[in-house]
Amino acid sequence: MLSYQHEYHAGNFADVVKHLTLSRIFNYLCQKEKPVFYLETHSGRGRYDLQSQQALKTGEASGGIGQLWSHREKLSDVFLPYLNTIHDCNPNGELRYYPGSPLLALHQLRPIDRLFCCELHPQEFHELQKIKTREMKIHIRHSDGLQQLPSLLPPPERRGLVFIDPSYEMKTDYQFVPECVGAAYQRFNTGVYCIWYPIIDKKWHLQLVDHFSKLGVTRFLRVEFYLTKQSNSGMTGCGLWVINPPYVLASELVEALDELVKVVNPGGSSYSLSSGPN
């Protein structure tokens, strides 16, 4: 299905959590001089106008990046790479544009690194092609990135991050995504994998987590952010399952999320974090 367009949800609390996490992983991987391969399976359009009709219709950004941006001067340094990317999209300081993960990667990765961005939705792919690549080594493919994993892994760089962020329109994705990750891990078991998932009232994510727990992965980090304790028909939280996480990631996320719950729905939001071998 290709009905999902992220412009309606760009900059919401889930974007803040996943992009903040990605920024910390990028920061760690770039500390070594060796090149990094970054593969994104569901890239979206790369940059979103928060004043578009779609974004204004839901207003989700106001409860996510809108809250964080208004408190940016008080946040710790762990937020800086993420906030710097947003500032580059809004040099006048007024929050109008929100960078998707491809722009986040282009901002933090280096000319020696290589990016491979996949997007199947024709309109999103069209917009993604307009991104300025800053002379980076980037390939943009009109395809389902999950289907590209066998041919792209392992990368010649031998160091890499695979980011998987599907819309989960199809309920079968909660089983299909772990299957694809498991097969990819068999081919490239030293890579970092970051998989995002929504937390909704029907608790489909528990099926996803159960499948991940059976992959035989030796190191993982599970992070979940809950916008509210109330149960409703929408998305009340989101999660990230990180395979082979940088050793500093858990402590950095605790620092960041401790601050995030104070500015995004304060008093109602919370988070959990667990790690270790299966």
Foldseek 3Di string as FASTA:
>chain_A
DQPDACLLQPQAALQQLVLLLVLLQLVVVVVDPFAEEEEEQAFFLFKYFCPDPSNVVNVRNCLGVVLCLVCVVVADPSCVLVVVLQCVVVVVSDRTMGGTPVSSCLSRHDQNYAYEYEHQRVVRLVNNVPDDNVNHHYHYYNDRSLVCLVVCPPDPSLEYEYEYEDPCPDLCCLVVVLVSVLVSCVRRVQYKYKYKDFQALVRSNVSSVVSNLPSQQFKKKKKKKALFPDHDGDTGIMMMIMGNGDPCSVVSVVSVVVVVCCRNNNPGMDMDMDIGGD
